[in-house]
Protein backbone atom coordinates (compact mmCIF):
# COMPACT_ATOMS: atom_id res chain seq x y z
CA UNK A 1 214.67 203.20 242.49
CA UNK A 2 217.59 201.06 241.19
CA UNK A 3 217.49 199.81 237.85
CA UNK A 4 217.99 195.88 237.63
CA UNK A 5 221.33 195.15 235.88
CA UNK A 6 219.62 192.97 233.37
CA UNK A 7 217.82 195.96 232.30
CA UNK A 8 220.84 198.27 232.15
CA UNK A 9 222.65 196.85 229.24
CA UNK A 10 219.69 196.87 226.76
CA UNK A 11 218.62 200.35 227.49
CA UNK A 12 222.52 201.43 226.95
CA UNK A 13 222.34 199.82 223.65
CA UNK A 14 219.08 201.36 222.48
CA UNK A 15 220.55 204.71 223.45
CA UNK A 16 223.63 204.03 221.80
CA UNK A 17 221.88 203.22 218.56
CA UNK A 18 219.57 206.02 218.83
CA UNK A 19 222.70 208.42 219.08
CA UNK A 20 224.26 206.66 216.30
CA UNK A 21 222.40 208.85 213.53
CA UNK A 22 223.30 212.36 214.93
CA UNK A 23 221.63 215.25 213.63
CA UNK A 24 223.27 216.47 210.02
CA UNK A 25 225.24 219.68 209.81
CA UNK A 26 227.04 221.19 207.04
CA UNK A 27 229.82 223.76 208.35
CA UNK A 28 230.09 226.76 206.30
CA UNK A 29 232.85 229.31 206.25
CA UNK A 30 234.26 231.93 203.78
CA UNK A 31 236.76 234.22 202.77
CA UNK A 32 236.85 237.50 200.51
CA UNK A 33 238.47 236.76 197.18
CA UNK A 34 239.86 233.79 195.52
CA UNK A 35 241.55 232.32 198.64
CA UNK A 36 243.42 229.32 198.64
CA UNK A 37 241.71 225.74 198.54
CA UNK A 38 241.26 224.22 202.04
CA UNK A 39 244.03 221.75 203.35
CA UNK A 40 243.49 218.27 201.71
CA UNK A 41 241.31 219.51 198.98
CA UNK A 42 242.32 219.40 195.20
CA UNK A 43 241.00 221.80 192.44
CA UNK A 44 238.76 219.25 190.59
CA UNK A 45 236.55 221.78 188.37
CA UNK A 46 238.11 224.99 186.66
CA UNK A 47 235.66 225.17 183.62
CA UNK A 48 238.95 226.05 181.70
CA UNK A 49 240.04 221.96 181.45
CA UNK A 50 238.09 218.85 181.85
CA UNK A 51 236.80 218.20 185.51
CA UNK A 52 238.36 215.77 187.30
CA UNK A 53 237.85 212.14 186.66
CA UNK A 54 234.55 210.80 188.00
CA UNK A 55 232.50 214.41 188.43
CA UNK A 56 229.44 214.77 185.78
CA UNK A 57 227.70 218.08 185.13
CA UNK A 58 223.99 218.12 184.24
CA UNK A 59 222.38 221.45 183.24
CA UNK A 60 218.68 222.57 183.39
CA UNK A 61 217.78 225.86 182.06
CA UNK A 62 219.66 228.88 180.97
CA UNK A 63 223.17 227.71 181.97
CA UNK A 64 226.30 229.27 180.21
CA UNK A 65 229.70 227.90 180.64
CA UNK A 66 231.78 230.63 179.03
CA UNK A 67 234.28 233.50 179.48
CA UNK A 68 233.04 237.01 179.28
CA UNK A 69 230.49 239.47 181.10
CA UNK A 70 227.28 240.97 180.27
CA UNK A 71 226.89 244.17 182.17
CA UNK A 72 224.51 244.36 185.04
CA UNK A 73 223.37 240.63 184.77
CA UNK A 74 226.18 238.35 184.36
CA UNK A 75 230.02 238.92 185.38
CA UNK A 76 232.83 236.61 185.88
CA UNK A 77 233.87 236.41 189.59
CA UNK A 78 236.44 239.44 190.50
CA UNK A 79 239.96 238.32 189.53
CA UNK A 80 238.96 235.95 186.78
CA UNK A 81 241.93 236.24 184.25
CA UNK A 82 240.97 237.54 180.87
CA UNK A 83 239.24 234.93 178.66
CA UNK A 84 238.79 232.76 181.78
CA UNK A 85 235.82 230.43 181.80
CA UNK A 86 233.20 230.29 184.65
CA UNK A 87 229.73 228.98 184.88
CA UNK A 88 226.93 231.40 184.98
CA UNK A 89 223.11 230.05 185.89
CA UNK A 90 219.92 232.09 185.09
CA UNK A 91 216.65 232.65 186.76
CA UNK A 92 215.06 229.37 187.30
CA UNK A 93 218.28 227.31 186.08
CA UNK A 94 220.38 224.68 187.68
CA UNK A 95 223.42 223.04 187.51
CA UNK A 96 224.37 219.51 189.05
CA UNK A 97 227.84 218.13 189.85
CA UNK A 98 227.62 214.42 190.52
CA UNK A 99 230.83 213.31 192.14
CA UNK A 100 230.03 209.76 192.64
CA UNK A 101 232.90 208.58 190.42
CA UNK A 102 235.14 210.75 192.12
CA UNK A 103 234.48 209.74 195.69
CA UNK A 104 234.52 205.89 194.68
CA UNK A 105 232.26 204.52 197.02
CA UNK A 106 232.79 207.20 199.76
CA UNK A 107 231.70 210.69 200.06
CA UNK A 108 232.78 214.36 200.12
CA UNK A 109 234.49 215.52 203.01
CA UNK A 110 234.84 219.05 202.19
CA UNK A 111 234.27 221.21 199.06
CA UNK A 112 234.81 225.09 198.23
CA UNK A 113 233.80 227.27 195.42
CA UNK A 114 234.74 230.67 194.34
CA UNK A 115 231.34 232.45 194.46
CA UNK A 116 231.09 235.53 192.29
CA UNK A 117 228.75 238.49 193.06
CA UNK A 118 226.68 237.21 195.78
CA UNK A 119 223.02 237.54 195.75
CA UNK A 120 220.32 236.40 198.28
CA UNK A 121 218.87 234.37 195.30
CA UNK A 122 221.85 232.07 194.83
CA UNK A 123 221.36 228.77 196.18
CA UNK A 124 223.43 225.42 196.61
CA UNK A 125 222.06 222.05 197.46
CA UNK A 126 223.78 219.02 198.90
CA UNK A 127 222.55 215.79 197.67
CA UNK A 128 223.28 212.04 198.96
CA UNK A 129 223.58 209.24 196.96
CA UNK A 130 220.04 208.51 196.91
CA UNK A 131 219.58 212.15 195.16
CA UNK A 132 217.99 213.39 198.34
CA UNK A 133 218.68 217.16 199.69
CA UNK A 134 220.55 216.80 202.79
CA UNK A 135 220.96 220.66 203.29
CA UNK A 136 220.88 223.57 201.22
CA UNK A 137 222.64 227.28 201.74
CA UNK A 138 221.94 230.46 200.28
CA UNK A 139 223.78 233.68 199.67
CA UNK A 140 221.83 235.24 201.80
CA UNK A 141 223.70 233.64 204.69
CA UNK A 142 226.70 235.15 203.50
CA UNK A 143 228.41 238.57 205.19
CA UNK A 144 227.46 240.73 201.95
CA UNK A 145 225.05 239.56 199.67
CA UNK A 146 223.97 242.71 197.16
CA UNK A 147 225.26 241.19 193.94
CA UNK A 148 228.17 243.61 193.69
CA UNK A 149 230.03 242.47 190.82
CA UNK A 150 233.68 244.41 191.99
CA UNK A 151 234.06 243.86 195.68
CA UNK A 152 235.96 240.94 197.10
CA UNK A 153 233.30 241.03 199.96
CA UNK A 154 230.96 239.70 197.54
CA UNK A 155 233.25 237.76 195.51
CA UNK A 156 234.51 234.94 198.02
CA UNK A 157 235.58 231.44 198.19
CA UNK A 158 233.09 229.66 200.28
CA UNK A 159 233.90 226.36 202.25
CA UNK A 160 231.64 223.59 203.11
CA UNK A 161 232.61 220.63 205.51
CA UNK A 162 230.37 217.78 205.65
CA UNK A 163 230.03 214.75 208.26
CA UNK A 164 230.85 211.22 206.89
CA UNK A 165 227.33 209.95 207.66
CA UNK A 166 225.54 212.63 205.59
CA UNK A 167 227.17 210.96 202.49
CA UNK A 168 227.24 213.88 200.33
CA UNK A 169 227.88 212.93 196.60
CA UNK A 170 226.32 215.57 194.72
CA UNK A 171 225.75 219.23 194.66
CA UNK A 172 223.13 221.57 192.96
CA UNK A 173 223.79 225.32 191.97
CA UNK A 174 220.49 227.13 191.31
CA UNK A 175 219.04 230.79 190.91
CA UNK A 176 215.86 232.67 191.65
CA UNK A 177 217.24 235.69 190.36
CA UNK A 178 219.34 237.14 187.25
CA UNK A 179 222.36 234.91 187.54
CA UNK A 180 224.76 232.81 189.91
CA UNK A 181 228.20 232.91 188.75
CA UNK A 182 231.01 230.83 190.13
CA UNK A 183 234.31 229.13 189.36
CA UNK A 184 237.17 226.98 190.47
CA UNK A 185 235.76 224.29 192.80
CA UNK A 186 238.12 222.13 195.09
CA UNK A 187 237.08 218.88 196.78
CA UNK A 188 238.18 216.01 199.03
CA UNK A 189 236.49 212.73 199.73
CA UNK A 190 236.61 210.18 202.35
CA UNK A 191 235.18 206.91 203.30
CA UNK A 192 231.83 206.44 204.68
CA UNK A 193 231.72 204.51 208.28
CA UNK A 194 229.75 201.69 208.36
CA UNK A 195 226.58 202.17 210.58
CA UNK A 196 227.87 199.52 212.84
CA UNK A 197 231.01 201.50 213.54
CA UNK A 198 229.23 204.49 214.51
CA UNK A 199 226.87 202.53 216.80
CA UNK A 200 229.90 200.73 218.46
CA UNK A 201 231.51 204.22 219.04
CA UNK A 202 228.08 205.52 220.75
CA UNK A 203 227.83 202.44 222.77
CA UNK A 204 231.47 202.81 223.94
CA UNK A 205 230.77 206.51 224.99
CA UNK A 206 227.65 205.21 226.88
CA UNK A 207 229.56 202.86 229.17
CA UNK A 208 231.99 205.38 229.82
CA UNK A 209 229.39 207.67 230.84
CA UNK A 210 227.49 205.32 232.90
CA UNK A 211 231.08 204.08 234.73
CA UNK A 212 231.83 207.54 235.42
CA UNK A 213 228.54 208.42 237.03
CA UNK A 214 228.59 204.85 238.93
CA UNK A 215 232.17 206.15 240.23
CA UNK A 216 230.97 209.50 241.58
CA UNK A 217 227.90 207.78 243.17
CA UNK A 218 230.32 205.48 244.97
CA UNK A 219 232.81 208.25 246.25
CA UNK A 220 229.54 210.24 246.94
CA UNK A 221 228.34 207.26 249.46
CA UNK A 222 231.96 206.90 251.09
CA UNK A 223 232.12 210.45 251.92
CA UNK A 224 228.80 210.54 253.40
């Protein structure tokens, strides 16, 4: 049964608007050791100097920002210079970095962190401007997560890439075990597209798909 032309356009518009809010997904990759930042990123937090403008840090519970190690509990990520400062989060504690001023009305495009002695009980939460958790990631998903304090396999730079519509402006590090150590955070920011922009793009793709389907049907009719 053919669909009246008067119905096709609203149907396509509705489909476009539904597709204008795609499923959210943070892309994660990692490299052993303190690899270089991702292209386009700049070092925004090193703990040895003041963080980049527009970034604030709020801690809850046992969070230490200092140099040195405590054998078996707290250790600087492998390769940290002697006296180099890093952050360590204890059991039940958290440390939240707000990038609202840094992104300047936009959102984070990417972020990377040098993650020390990866453990399954280390977690990173990504939050939007409303303080809602968009996605969470744990050390259990990394290739090796037994907390070894010496191997590059468990001391690695982890890269996170975000979709613009996720509007990530904050991240929270937390631990449910002995410690979560990290250092050297890189980031890049970009604008957040207006909802109408996404809708227009999706509607355009809908029309293209519709036109291609009609063309195939026309060719099939002529062939028959």
